[in-house]
C-alpha cells in the first residue's frame, strides 16, 4: 500500500479543494439565508425558507445529479469539479443557514433596540452588534459542517471528480486489494476529520462566550 499512498494523497488534496471551496460558498449562502429568514419580510423570507427546506429535504446526490446531468438539457454544461463544488456549496449553505439563524435568534432583542436607540440603522446594528456575537455562538454547531464536508465530498466520485474515493478505485484496479485500500481510505478520512475537529475545538475554546 505504501507504493499507492501518493495516489490517495492526491485524491485527498482534491477532497480538501472541494470541501473548503464549498464551505466558503456555504458561508455566504448560509448567512444570506439566515438573515433573510430572520429579518426579511414577505417574498424574501419565503424564498429563504423555501431554499433551506428544499435543500435539507432532498439528498445531496440528487442535487449533484440535477446540476451535472440535468442542467445540460437546459444548455448549462458544467465540469465535474465545478458541478460538485456548486452542489456541495448549495447543500452546505442550507445547513449553515440554520446554524447561523439559531445563533442570531439567541441574541437578546434588547441589543437591537439599544443599537437603534443610539442612532444606528438596522443594517448597521446587524453587522456591528448582532453578527459578531452570533458567529461566535454558532461556532460549535458550524464546526460540525467543517468536519463533515470532507465526507460529504465523496459523492463527487459519482461524476468522475478525482477525489479520495475515486483515487481509491484507481488503486484497487491496479492492486486488486479492495479491503486494504478501503481500510486505508477510511483511516485517512478518520484522521482528517478528527484533526479538523480538534482544531475547531481549540478555536472555540479561545473565542467562545455566552450571551446573557
N, C-alpha and C. Protein backbone atom coordinates (compact mmCIF):
# COMPACT_ATOMS: atom_id res chain seq x y z
N UNK A 1 0.81 -1.21 0.00
CA UNK A 1 0.00 0.00 0.00
C UNK A 1 0.84 1.27 0.00
N UNK A 2 2.04 1.20 0.54
CA UNK A 2 2.90 2.38 0.59
C UNK A 2 3.12 2.94 -0.81
N UNK A 3 3.25 2.02 -1.79
CA UNK A 3 3.50 2.45 -3.17
C UNK A 3 2.34 3.26 -3.75
N UNK A 4 1.14 3.03 -3.20
CA UNK A 4 -0.05 3.69 -3.74
C UNK A 4 -0.51 4.87 -2.88
N UNK A 5 0.19 5.11 -1.78
CA UNK A 5 -0.24 6.17 -0.86
C UNK A 5 -0.23 7.54 -1.54
N UNK A 6 0.74 7.78 -2.42
CA UNK A 6 0.82 9.06 -3.12
C UNK A 6 -0.43 9.33 -3.94
N UNK A 7 -0.97 8.28 -4.57
CA UNK A 7 -2.19 8.44 -5.38
C UNK A 7 -3.36 8.84 -4.48
N UNK A 8 -3.46 8.19 -3.33
CA UNK A 8 -4.53 8.50 -2.40
C UNK A 8 -4.40 9.93 -1.85
N UNK A 9 -3.19 10.35 -1.59
CA UNK A 9 -2.98 11.71 -1.08
C UNK A 9 -3.33 12.76 -2.13
N UNK A 10 -3.10 12.43 -3.41
CA UNK A 10 -3.54 13.33 -4.48
C UNK A 10 -5.06 13.50 -4.42
N UNK A 11 -5.74 12.40 -4.19
CA UNK A 11 -7.20 12.46 -4.06
C UNK A 11 -7.62 13.26 -2.84
N UNK A 12 -6.85 13.14 -1.75
CA UNK A 12 -7.16 13.89 -0.54
C UNK A 12 -7.06 15.40 -0.78
N UNK A 13 -6.07 15.80 -1.56
CA UNK A 13 -5.93 17.23 -1.88
C UNK A 13 -7.15 17.74 -2.65
N UNK A 14 -7.65 16.93 -3.56
CA UNK A 14 -8.86 17.31 -4.30
C UNK A 14 -10.06 17.37 -3.35
N UNK A 15 -10.11 16.44 -2.41
CA UNK A 15 -11.17 16.44 -1.40
C UNK A 15 -11.14 17.74 -0.61
N UNK A 16 -9.94 18.19 -0.21
CA UNK A 16 -9.81 19.46 0.50
C UNK A 16 -10.27 20.62 -0.37
N UNK A 17 -9.89 20.59 -1.64
CA UNK A 17 -10.29 21.66 -2.55
C UNK A 17 -11.81 21.75 -2.64
N UNK A 18 -12.46 20.60 -2.82
CA UNK A 18 -13.92 20.59 -2.89
C UNK A 18 -14.53 21.08 -1.58
N UNK A 19 -14.02 20.57 -0.48
CA UNK A 19 -14.63 20.83 0.83
C UNK A 19 -14.53 22.29 1.22
N UNK A 20 -13.36 22.86 1.10
CA UNK A 20 -13.18 24.22 1.61
C UNK A 20 -13.72 25.28 0.66
N UNK A 21 -13.72 24.99 -0.64
CA UNK A 21 -14.37 25.91 -1.58
C UNK A 21 -15.88 25.90 -1.34
N UNK A 22 -16.43 24.70 -1.18
CA UNK A 22 -17.86 24.58 -0.90
C UNK A 22 -18.21 25.22 0.43
N UNK A 23 -17.33 25.10 1.41
CA UNK A 23 -17.57 25.71 2.71
C UNK A 23 -17.70 27.23 2.58
N UNK A 24 -16.81 27.83 1.80
CA UNK A 24 -16.87 29.27 1.59
C UNK A 24 -18.16 29.70 0.93
N UNK A 25 -18.58 28.95 -0.09
CA UNK A 25 -19.86 29.23 -0.74
C UNK A 25 -21.00 29.09 0.25
N UNK A 26 -20.90 28.04 1.08
CA UNK A 26 -21.94 27.80 2.07
C UNK A 26 -22.05 28.89 3.11
N UNK A 27 -20.92 29.47 3.50
CA UNK A 27 -20.95 30.57 4.46
C UNK A 27 -21.72 31.75 3.89
N UNK A 28 -21.42 32.10 2.65
CA UNK A 28 -22.10 33.24 2.01
C UNK A 28 -23.60 32.98 1.87
N UNK A 29 -23.95 31.80 1.34
CA UNK A 29 -25.36 31.47 1.17
C UNK A 29 -26.06 31.32 2.51
N UNK A 30 -25.37 30.70 3.46
CA UNK A 30 -25.97 30.46 4.77
C UNK A 30 -26.26 31.75 5.51
N UNK A 31 -25.30 32.66 5.51
CA UNK A 31 -25.53 33.95 6.18
C UNK A 31 -26.66 34.73 5.51
N UNK A 32 -26.66 34.74 4.19
CA UNK A 32 -27.71 35.46 3.45
C UNK A 32 -29.09 34.88 3.77
N UNK A 33 -29.18 33.55 3.76
CA UNK A 33 -30.47 32.90 4.02
C UNK A 33 -30.90 33.10 5.47
N UNK A 34 -29.94 33.02 6.39
CA UNK A 34 -30.26 33.20 7.81
C UNK A 34 -30.77 34.61 8.08
N UNK A 35 -30.10 35.60 7.52
CA UNK A 35 -30.53 36.98 7.70
C UNK A 35 -31.88 37.24 7.04
N UNK A 36 -32.07 36.66 5.86
CA UNK A 36 -33.34 36.84 5.16
C UNK A 36 -34.48 36.20 5.93
N UNK A 37 -34.21 35.03 6.50
CA UNK A 37 -35.26 34.33 7.24
C UNK A 37 -35.56 35.01 8.57
N UNK A 38 -34.53 35.61 9.18
CA UNK A 38 -34.71 36.25 10.48
C UNK A 38 -35.28 37.66 10.38
N UNK A 39 -34.73 38.43 9.45
CA UNK A 39 -35.10 39.84 9.36
C UNK A 39 -35.92 40.19 8.12
N UNK A 40 -35.98 39.28 7.17
CA UNK A 40 -36.69 39.58 5.93
C UNK A 40 -38.20 39.50 6.10
N UNK A 41 -38.91 40.04 5.16
CA UNK A 41 -40.37 40.03 5.17
C UNK A 41 -40.88 39.59 3.81
N UNK A 42 -42.05 39.03 3.79
CA UNK A 42 -42.70 38.67 2.54
C UNK A 42 -41.91 37.70 1.69
N UNK A 43 -41.75 38.02 0.39
CA UNK A 43 -41.07 37.10 -0.54
C UNK A 43 -39.64 36.76 -0.13
N UNK A 44 -38.94 37.72 0.46
CA UNK A 44 -37.54 37.47 0.85
C UNK A 44 -37.46 36.34 1.87
N UNK A 45 -38.26 36.43 2.91
CA UNK A 45 -38.27 35.40 3.94
C UNK A 45 -38.78 34.07 3.38
N UNK A 46 -39.80 34.16 2.52
CA UNK A 46 -40.37 32.94 1.92
C UNK A 46 -39.34 32.21 1.05
N UNK A 47 -38.62 32.95 0.24
CA UNK A 47 -37.62 32.34 -0.63
C UNK A 47 -36.48 31.70 0.18
N UNK A 48 -36.05 32.38 1.24
CA UNK A 48 -35.01 31.83 2.09
C UNK A 48 -35.47 30.53 2.74
N UNK A 49 -36.69 30.55 3.23
CA UNK A 49 -37.24 29.36 3.87
C UNK A 49 -37.39 28.22 2.86
N UNK A 50 -37.85 28.54 1.65
CA UNK A 50 -38.02 27.52 0.61
C UNK A 50 -36.68 26.90 0.24
N UNK A 51 -35.64 27.73 0.11
CA UNK A 51 -34.29 27.22 -0.20
C UNK A 51 -33.82 26.26 0.88
N UNK A 52 -33.95 26.67 2.13
CA UNK A 52 -33.46 25.84 3.24
C UNK A 52 -34.21 24.51 3.30
N UNK A 53 -35.52 24.58 3.22
CA UNK A 53 -36.32 23.36 3.34
C UNK A 53 -36.13 22.43 2.14
N UNK A 54 -36.04 22.99 0.95
CA UNK A 54 -35.86 22.18 -0.25
C UNK A 54 -34.52 21.45 -0.23
N UNK A 55 -33.45 22.15 0.10
CA UNK A 55 -32.13 21.54 0.08
C UNK A 55 -31.96 20.55 1.22
N UNK A 56 -32.43 20.91 2.40
CA UNK A 56 -32.30 20.00 3.54
C UNK A 56 -33.20 18.78 3.39
N UNK A 57 -34.24 18.91 2.57
CA UNK A 57 -35.19 17.82 2.42
C UNK A 57 -34.93 16.88 1.26
N UNK A 58 -33.86 17.14 0.49
CA UNK A 58 -33.53 16.27 -0.65
C UNK A 58 -32.08 15.80 -0.53
N UNK A 59 -31.78 14.61 -1.08
CA UNK A 59 -30.42 14.08 -0.96
C UNK A 59 -29.39 14.89 -1.74
N UNK A 60 -28.20 14.98 -1.20
CA UNK A 60 -27.09 15.67 -1.88
C UNK A 60 -26.81 15.04 -3.24
N UNK A 61 -26.91 13.74 -3.33
CA UNK A 61 -26.64 13.05 -4.60
C UNK A 61 -27.61 13.52 -5.68
N UNK A 62 -28.87 13.66 -5.32
CA UNK A 62 -29.87 14.12 -6.28
C UNK A 62 -29.54 15.55 -6.74
N UNK A 63 -29.15 16.39 -5.79
CA UNK A 63 -28.79 17.77 -6.14
C UNK A 63 -27.60 17.81 -7.09
N UNK A 64 -26.60 16.96 -6.83
CA UNK A 64 -25.43 16.89 -7.70
C UNK A 64 -25.83 16.41 -9.10
N UNK A 65 -26.68 15.40 -9.18
CA UNK A 65 -27.09 14.86 -10.47
C UNK A 65 -27.91 15.88 -11.26
N UNK A 66 -28.73 16.67 -10.58
CA UNK A 66 -29.51 17.70 -11.27
C UNK A 66 -28.57 18.70 -11.93
N UNK A 67 -27.54 19.11 -11.19
CA UNK A 67 -26.60 20.10 -11.72
C UNK A 67 -25.77 19.53 -12.85
N UNK A 68 -25.24 18.31 -12.66
CA UNK A 68 -24.31 17.76 -13.65
C UNK A 68 -25.00 17.10 -14.83
N UNK A 69 -26.07 16.33 -14.55
CA UNK A 69 -26.74 15.60 -15.63
C UNK A 69 -28.00 16.31 -16.13
N UNK A 70 -28.67 17.07 -15.24
CA UNK A 70 -29.94 17.67 -15.61
C UNK A 70 -29.82 19.01 -16.31
N UNK A 71 -28.97 19.88 -15.80
CA UNK A 71 -28.87 21.23 -16.38
C UNK A 71 -28.38 21.27 -17.83
N UNK A 72 -27.56 20.31 -18.28
CA UNK A 72 -27.17 20.34 -19.71
C UNK A 72 -28.36 20.32 -20.66
N UNK A 73 -29.50 19.75 -20.22
CA UNK A 73 -30.69 19.75 -21.07
C UNK A 73 -31.25 21.15 -21.26
N UNK A 74 -30.83 22.07 -20.36
CA UNK A 74 -31.25 23.47 -20.48
C UNK A 74 -30.15 24.32 -21.09
N UNK A 75 -29.09 23.66 -21.55
CA UNK A 75 -27.98 24.37 -22.17
C UNK A 75 -26.90 24.80 -21.20
N UNK A 76 -26.99 24.34 -19.96
CA UNK A 76 -26.00 24.70 -18.95
C UNK A 76 -25.11 23.50 -18.68
N UNK A 77 -23.90 23.52 -19.21
CA UNK A 77 -22.99 22.39 -19.09
C UNK A 77 -21.80 22.80 -18.23
N UNK A 78 -21.59 22.09 -17.13
CA UNK A 78 -20.51 22.40 -16.21
C UNK A 78 -19.56 21.22 -16.08
N UNK A 79 -18.32 21.51 -15.71
CA UNK A 79 -17.34 20.46 -15.50
C UNK A 79 -17.71 19.65 -14.25
N UNK A 80 -17.20 18.43 -14.13
CA UNK A 80 -17.49 17.62 -12.93
C UNK A 80 -17.10 18.33 -11.64
N UNK A 81 -15.90 18.92 -11.60
CA UNK A 81 -15.43 19.58 -10.38
C UNK A 81 -16.31 20.77 -10.03
N UNK A 82 -16.62 21.60 -11.02
CA UNK A 82 -17.47 22.77 -10.76
C UNK A 82 -18.85 22.33 -10.28
N UNK A 83 -19.40 21.30 -10.91
CA UNK A 83 -20.72 20.81 -10.51
C UNK A 83 -20.70 20.32 -9.07
N UNK A 84 -19.65 19.60 -8.70
CA UNK A 84 -19.55 19.08 -7.34
C UNK A 84 -19.43 20.21 -6.33
N UNK A 85 -18.62 21.22 -6.65
CA UNK A 85 -18.44 22.35 -5.73
C UNK A 85 -19.75 23.10 -5.55
N UNK A 86 -20.46 23.34 -6.65
CA UNK A 86 -21.74 24.05 -6.57
C UNK A 86 -22.74 23.27 -5.74
N UNK A 87 -22.84 21.96 -6.00
CA UNK A 87 -23.80 21.14 -5.25
C UNK A 87 -23.45 21.11 -3.76
N UNK A 88 -22.19 20.92 -3.45
CA UNK A 88 -21.77 20.90 -2.05
C UNK A 88 -21.98 22.25 -1.39
N UNK A 89 -21.67 23.33 -2.12
CA UNK A 89 -21.84 24.67 -1.57
C UNK A 89 -23.29 25.00 -1.28
N UNK A 90 -24.17 24.69 -2.23
CA UNK A 90 -25.60 24.95 -2.04
C UNK A 90 -26.14 24.12 -0.88
N UNK A 91 -25.74 22.86 -0.83
CA UNK A 91 -26.19 21.98 0.25
C UNK A 91 -25.70 22.46 1.60
N UNK A 92 -24.41 22.79 1.67
CA UNK A 92 -23.84 23.26 2.92
C UNK A 92 -24.48 24.56 3.37
N UNK A 93 -24.77 25.45 2.42
CA UNK A 93 -25.38 26.73 2.76
C UNK A 93 -26.71 26.59 3.48
N UNK A 94 -27.51 25.59 3.07
CA UNK A 94 -28.81 25.40 3.71
C UNK A 94 -28.65 24.98 5.17
N UNK A 95 -27.67 24.13 5.44
CA UNK A 95 -27.44 23.70 6.82
C UNK A 95 -26.79 24.80 7.65
N UNK A 96 -25.84 25.51 7.04
CA UNK A 96 -25.22 26.61 7.76
C UNK A 96 -26.23 27.71 8.09
N UNK A 97 -27.20 27.90 7.22
CA UNK A 97 -28.22 28.91 7.46
C UNK A 97 -28.93 28.67 8.79
N UNK A 98 -29.22 27.42 9.08
CA UNK A 98 -29.90 27.10 10.33
C UNK A 98 -28.99 27.28 11.54
N UNK A 99 -27.70 26.98 11.37
CA UNK A 99 -26.76 27.24 12.47
C UNK A 99 -26.71 28.74 12.77
N UNK A 100 -26.59 29.53 11.73
CA UNK A 100 -26.49 30.98 11.90
C UNK A 100 -27.80 31.56 12.43
N UNK A 101 -28.92 31.08 11.91
CA UNK A 101 -30.22 31.61 12.35
C UNK A 101 -30.43 31.36 13.82
N UNK A 102 -30.11 30.15 14.27
CA UNK A 102 -30.27 29.84 15.69
C UNK A 102 -29.43 30.74 16.56
N UNK A 103 -28.21 31.02 16.11
CA UNK A 103 -27.32 31.89 16.89
C UNK A 103 -27.82 33.33 16.89
N UNK A 104 -28.29 33.80 15.73
CA UNK A 104 -28.80 35.17 15.64
C UNK A 104 -30.01 35.36 16.56
N UNK A 105 -30.90 34.37 16.54
CA UNK A 105 -32.12 34.49 17.34
C UNK A 105 -31.85 34.37 18.83
N UNK A 106 -30.68 33.84 19.19
CA UNK A 106 -30.34 33.73 20.61
C UNK A 106 -29.84 35.05 21.20
N UNK A 107 -29.52 36.01 20.33
CA UNK A 107 -29.10 37.33 20.80
C UNK A 107 -30.33 38.10 21.27
N UNK A 108 -30.29 38.61 22.46
CA UNK A 108 -31.45 39.30 23.01
C UNK A 108 -31.90 40.47 22.16
N UNK A 109 -33.22 40.63 22.04
CA UNK A 109 -33.78 41.71 21.25
C UNK A 109 -33.41 43.08 21.79
N UNK A 110 -33.06 43.14 23.06
CA UNK A 110 -32.70 44.40 23.66
C UNK A 110 -31.44 45.00 23.04
N UNK A 111 -30.57 44.16 22.51
CA UNK A 111 -29.35 44.68 21.90
C UNK A 111 -29.66 45.42 20.60
N UNK A 112 -30.60 44.91 19.84
CA UNK A 112 -31.02 45.60 18.64
C UNK A 112 -31.68 46.93 18.98
N UNK A 113 -32.53 46.92 19.99
CA UNK A 113 -33.20 48.15 20.41
C UNK A 113 -32.20 49.18 20.90
N UNK A 114 -31.20 48.72 21.65
CA UNK A 114 -30.18 49.65 22.16
C UNK A 114 -29.39 50.27 21.02
N UNK A 115 -29.04 49.44 20.02
CA UNK A 115 -28.28 49.94 18.87
C UNK A 115 -29.09 50.97 18.09
N UNK A 116 -30.38 50.70 17.92
CA UNK A 116 -31.24 51.65 17.20
C UNK A 116 -31.41 52.95 17.99
N UNK A 117 -31.43 52.81 19.30
CA UNK A 117 -31.65 54.00 20.15
C UNK A 117 -30.47 54.97 20.13
N UNK A 118 -29.27 54.45 19.80
CA UNK A 118 -28.09 55.34 19.75
C UNK A 118 -27.81 55.83 18.33
N UNK A 119 -28.74 55.57 17.42
CA UNK A 119 -28.63 56.15 16.08
C UNK A 119 -28.18 55.22 14.99
N UNK A 120 -27.93 53.96 15.32
CA UNK A 120 -27.54 53.01 14.27
C UNK A 120 -28.75 52.66 13.42
N UNK A 121 -28.51 52.40 12.14
CA UNK A 121 -29.57 51.87 11.29
C UNK A 121 -29.69 50.38 11.58
N UNK A 122 -30.76 49.79 11.11
CA UNK A 122 -30.95 48.34 11.34
C UNK A 122 -29.82 47.51 10.72
N UNK A 123 -29.43 47.79 9.46
CA UNK A 123 -28.30 47.03 8.90
C UNK A 123 -27.01 47.22 9.68
N UNK A 124 -26.74 48.44 10.14
CA UNK A 124 -25.54 48.68 10.93
C UNK A 124 -25.57 47.89 12.23
N UNK A 125 -26.72 47.84 12.87
CA UNK A 125 -26.84 47.09 14.12
C UNK A 125 -26.60 45.60 13.89
N UNK A 126 -27.11 45.10 12.78
CA UNK A 126 -26.92 43.68 12.48
C UNK A 126 -25.44 43.38 12.25
N UNK A 127 -24.78 44.20 11.45
CA UNK A 127 -23.38 43.96 11.09
C UNK A 127 -22.44 44.19 12.28
N UNK A 128 -22.69 45.25 13.05
CA UNK A 128 -21.74 45.64 14.09
C UNK A 128 -22.02 45.00 15.45
N UNK A 129 -23.28 44.71 15.73
CA UNK A 129 -23.64 44.23 17.06
C UNK A 129 -24.06 42.75 17.06
N UNK A 130 -24.99 42.42 16.20
CA UNK A 130 -25.59 41.08 16.22
C UNK A 130 -24.67 40.01 15.65
N UNK A 131 -24.18 40.23 14.42
CA UNK A 131 -23.40 39.20 13.75
C UNK A 131 -22.11 38.81 14.47
N UNK A 132 -21.32 39.76 14.97
CA UNK A 132 -20.09 39.34 15.67
C UNK A 132 -20.35 38.37 16.82
N UNK A 133 -21.44 38.61 17.56
CA UNK A 133 -21.78 37.70 18.65
C UNK A 133 -22.35 36.38 18.12
N UNK A 134 -23.21 36.49 17.12
CA UNK A 134 -23.86 35.29 16.60
C UNK A 134 -22.86 34.32 15.97
N UNK A 135 -21.86 34.85 15.28
CA UNK A 135 -20.89 33.98 14.63
C UNK A 135 -20.10 33.19 15.66
N UNK A 136 -19.79 33.80 16.79
CA UNK A 136 -19.11 33.06 17.85
C UNK A 136 -20.01 31.99 18.46
N UNK A 137 -21.26 32.36 18.68
CA UNK A 137 -22.20 31.40 19.25
C UNK A 137 -22.47 30.23 18.31
N UNK A 138 -22.39 30.48 17.01
CA UNK A 138 -22.67 29.43 16.02
C UNK A 138 -21.50 28.47 15.84
N UNK A 139 -20.34 28.82 16.38
CA UNK A 139 -19.13 28.05 16.09
C UNK A 139 -19.23 26.56 16.43
N UNK A 140 -19.77 26.16 17.58
CA UNK A 140 -19.84 24.71 17.88
C UNK A 140 -20.63 23.91 16.85
N UNK A 141 -21.83 24.41 16.49
CA UNK A 141 -22.63 23.68 15.51
C UNK A 141 -22.05 23.82 14.11
N UNK A 142 -21.55 25.02 13.79
CA UNK A 142 -20.96 25.24 12.47
C UNK A 142 -19.73 24.37 12.25
N UNK A 143 -18.99 24.09 13.31
CA UNK A 143 -17.78 23.28 13.18
C UNK A 143 -18.11 21.86 12.72
N UNK A 144 -19.32 21.39 13.00
CA UNK A 144 -19.72 20.07 12.50
C UNK A 144 -19.72 20.05 10.98
N UNK A 145 -20.18 21.13 10.40
CA UNK A 145 -20.23 21.22 8.93
C UNK A 145 -18.82 21.20 8.35
N UNK A 146 -17.89 21.89 9.00
CA UNK A 146 -16.50 21.91 8.54
C UNK A 146 -15.90 20.51 8.59
N UNK A 147 -16.15 19.81 9.68
CA UNK A 147 -15.56 18.49 9.86
C UNK A 147 -16.18 17.44 8.94
N UNK A 148 -17.47 17.59 8.66
CA UNK A 148 -18.15 16.56 7.87
C UNK A 148 -18.07 16.77 6.36
N UNK A 149 -17.78 17.98 5.92
CA UNK A 149 -17.74 18.23 4.47
C UNK A 149 -16.78 17.31 3.71
N UNK A 150 -15.59 16.97 4.26
CA UNK A 150 -14.74 16.02 3.53
C UNK A 150 -15.44 14.68 3.28
N UNK A 151 -16.30 14.26 4.22
CA UNK A 151 -17.05 13.02 3.99
C UNK A 151 -18.12 13.23 2.93
N UNK A 152 -18.85 14.34 3.02
CA UNK A 152 -19.89 14.61 2.04
C UNK A 152 -19.32 14.71 0.63
N UNK A 153 -18.09 15.20 0.52
CA UNK A 153 -17.49 15.42 -0.80
C UNK A 153 -17.23 14.12 -1.55
N UNK A 154 -17.34 12.99 -0.85
CA UNK A 154 -17.10 11.71 -1.53
C UNK A 154 -18.12 11.43 -2.62
N UNK A 155 -19.28 12.11 -2.59
CA UNK A 155 -20.27 11.89 -3.66
C UNK A 155 -19.74 12.37 -5.00
N UNK A 156 -18.70 13.20 -4.98
CA UNK A 156 -18.17 13.75 -6.23
C UNK A 156 -17.59 12.68 -7.14
N UNK A 157 -17.21 11.53 -6.57
CA UNK A 157 -16.67 10.47 -7.42
C UNK A 157 -17.72 9.95 -8.39
N UNK A 158 -18.99 10.17 -8.07
CA UNK A 158 -20.08 9.71 -8.95
C UNK A 158 -20.11 10.47 -10.27
N UNK A 159 -19.48 11.65 -10.30
CA UNK A 159 -19.40 12.41 -11.55
C UNK A 159 -17.95 12.54 -12.01
N UNK A 160 -17.15 11.56 -11.62
CA UNK A 160 -15.76 11.39 -12.08
C UNK A 160 -14.78 12.43 -11.56
N UNK A 161 -15.09 13.12 -10.48
CA UNK A 161 -14.11 14.02 -9.88
C UNK A 161 -13.05 13.16 -9.19
N UNK A 162 -11.76 13.41 -9.41
CA UNK A 162 -10.70 12.55 -8.88
C UNK A 162 -10.37 12.82 -7.41
N UNK A 163 -11.40 12.76 -6.56
CA UNK A 163 -11.17 12.96 -5.13
C UNK A 163 -10.72 11.65 -4.49
N UNK A 164 -10.68 11.60 -3.18
CA UNK A 164 -10.09 10.47 -2.47
C UNK A 164 -10.73 9.14 -2.82
N UNK A 165 -12.04 9.07 -2.81
CA UNK A 165 -12.72 7.80 -3.09
C UNK A 165 -12.51 7.36 -4.53
N UNK A 166 -12.50 8.32 -5.46
CA UNK A 166 -12.24 7.99 -6.86
C UNK A 166 -10.83 7.45 -7.04
N UNK A 167 -9.87 8.05 -6.35
CA UNK A 167 -8.49 7.57 -6.41
C UNK A 167 -8.38 6.17 -5.80
N UNK A 168 -9.19 5.89 -4.80
CA UNK A 168 -9.18 4.55 -4.21
C UNK A 168 -9.59 3.51 -5.24
N UNK A 169 -10.56 3.83 -6.06
CA UNK A 169 -10.99 2.91 -7.10
C UNK A 169 -9.88 2.68 -8.13
N UNK A 170 -9.10 3.72 -8.40
CA UNK A 170 -7.96 3.58 -9.31
C UNK A 170 -6.93 2.62 -8.72
N UNK A 171 -6.64 2.79 -7.43
CA UNK A 171 -5.67 1.93 -6.77
C UNK A 171 -6.16 0.48 -6.75
N UNK A 172 -7.44 0.29 -6.47
CA UNK A 172 -8.00 -1.06 -6.44
C UNK A 172 -7.88 -1.73 -7.80
N UNK A 173 -8.08 -0.97 -8.86
CA UNK A 173 -7.96 -1.52 -10.21
C UNK A 173 -6.53 -1.97 -10.50
N UNK A 174 -5.56 -1.38 -9.79
CA UNK A 174 -4.16 -1.74 -10.01
C UNK A 174 -3.68 -2.86 -9.11
N UNK A 175 -4.10 -2.86 -7.84
CA UNK A 175 -3.56 -3.90 -6.94
C UNK A 175 -4.56 -4.99 -6.56
N UNK A 176 -5.84 -4.80 -6.94
CA UNK A 176 -6.87 -5.81 -6.70
C UNK A 176 -6.98 -6.19 -5.21
N UNK A 177 -6.85 -5.19 -4.33
CA UNK A 177 -6.96 -5.43 -2.90
C UNK A 177 -7.95 -4.41 -2.30
N UNK A 178 -9.23 -4.58 -2.59
CA UNK A 178 -10.21 -3.59 -2.16
C UNK A 178 -10.30 -3.41 -0.64
N UNK A 179 -10.20 -4.51 0.10
CA UNK A 179 -10.31 -4.41 1.55
C UNK A 179 -9.21 -3.52 2.13
N UNK A 180 -7.98 -3.77 1.72
CA UNK A 180 -6.86 -2.98 2.23
C UNK A 180 -7.01 -1.50 1.85
N UNK A 181 -7.39 -1.28 0.61
CA UNK A 181 -7.49 0.10 0.12
C UNK A 181 -8.57 0.86 0.87
N UNK A 182 -9.74 0.25 1.02
CA UNK A 182 -10.84 0.95 1.68
C UNK A 182 -10.58 1.15 3.17
N UNK A 183 -9.84 0.24 3.80
CA UNK A 183 -9.46 0.43 5.20
C UNK A 183 -8.54 1.65 5.32
N UNK A 184 -7.57 1.76 4.40
CA UNK A 184 -6.66 2.91 4.42
C UNK A 184 -7.42 4.20 4.15
N UNK A 185 -8.33 4.16 3.20
CA UNK A 185 -9.14 5.35 2.89
C UNK A 185 -9.97 5.75 4.11
N UNK A 186 -10.55 4.76 4.78
CA UNK A 186 -11.32 5.05 5.98
C UNK A 186 -10.47 5.71 7.06
N UNK A 187 -9.25 5.22 7.21
CA UNK A 187 -8.34 5.80 8.20
C UNK A 187 -7.95 7.24 7.83
N UNK A 188 -7.78 7.48 6.52
CA UNK A 188 -7.45 8.84 6.08
C UNK A 188 -8.59 9.80 6.42
N UNK A 189 -9.83 9.36 6.13
CA UNK A 189 -10.98 10.19 6.48
C UNK A 189 -11.05 10.41 7.99
N UNK A 190 -10.80 9.35 8.76
CA UNK A 190 -10.88 9.44 10.22
C UNK A 190 -9.87 10.43 10.78
N UNK A 191 -8.63 10.32 10.31
CA UNK A 191 -7.58 11.23 10.79
C UNK A 191 -7.88 12.67 10.37
N UNK A 192 -8.35 12.83 9.14
CA UNK A 192 -8.67 14.17 8.64
C UNK A 192 -9.76 14.84 9.46
N UNK A 193 -10.85 14.11 9.68
CA UNK A 193 -11.98 14.68 10.40
C UNK A 193 -11.64 14.91 11.87
N UNK A 194 -10.91 13.96 12.47
CA UNK A 194 -10.50 14.13 13.87
C UNK A 194 -9.59 15.35 14.03
N UNK A 195 -8.70 15.56 13.07
CA UNK A 195 -7.79 16.70 13.13
C UNK A 195 -8.54 18.02 13.00
N UNK A 196 -9.48 18.06 12.04
CA UNK A 196 -10.28 19.28 11.86
C UNK A 196 -11.11 19.57 13.12
N UNK A 197 -11.68 18.53 13.70
CA UNK A 197 -12.49 18.70 14.90
C UNK A 197 -11.66 19.23 16.06
N UNK A 198 -10.44 18.72 16.19
CA UNK A 198 -9.56 19.17 17.27
C UNK A 198 -9.18 20.64 17.08
N UNK A 199 -8.86 21.01 15.86
CA UNK A 199 -8.50 22.41 15.57
C UNK A 199 -9.67 23.33 15.89
N UNK A 200 -10.87 22.91 15.49
CA UNK A 200 -12.05 23.74 15.74
C UNK A 200 -12.39 23.81 17.22
N UNK A 201 -12.13 22.75 17.97
CA UNK A 201 -12.34 22.78 19.42
C UNK A 201 -11.41 23.82 20.06
N UNK A 202 -10.17 23.87 19.59
CA UNK A 202 -9.22 24.85 20.12
C UNK A 202 -9.68 26.26 19.81
N UNK A 203 -10.15 26.47 18.58
CA UNK A 203 -10.64 27.79 18.18
C UNK A 203 -11.85 28.19 19.04
N UNK A 204 -12.74 27.23 19.25
CA UNK A 204 -13.94 27.52 20.05
C UNK A 204 -13.57 27.88 21.48
N UNK A 205 -12.67 27.14 22.08
CA UNK A 205 -12.27 27.42 23.46
C UNK A 205 -11.65 28.81 23.58
N UNK A 206 -11.02 29.25 22.52
CA UNK A 206 -10.38 30.57 22.56
C UNK A 206 -11.39 31.69 22.40
N UNK A 207 -12.40 31.49 21.56
CA UNK A 207 -13.29 32.60 21.22
C UNK A 207 -14.70 32.47 21.79
N UNK A 208 -14.99 31.41 22.52
CA UNK A 208 -16.35 31.23 22.99
C UNK A 208 -16.72 32.29 24.03
N UNK A 209 -18.00 32.58 24.08
CA UNK A 209 -18.52 33.45 25.13
C UNK A 209 -20.02 33.18 25.22
N UNK A 210 -20.60 33.63 26.27
CA UNK A 210 -22.03 33.43 26.46
C UNK A 210 -22.73 34.77 26.41
N UNK A 211 -23.98 34.69 26.03
CA UNK A 211 -24.81 35.90 25.95
C UNK A 211 -25.82 35.85 27.08
N UNK A 212 -25.88 36.90 27.85
CA UNK A 212 -26.82 36.94 28.95
C UNK A 212 -28.23 37.19 28.43
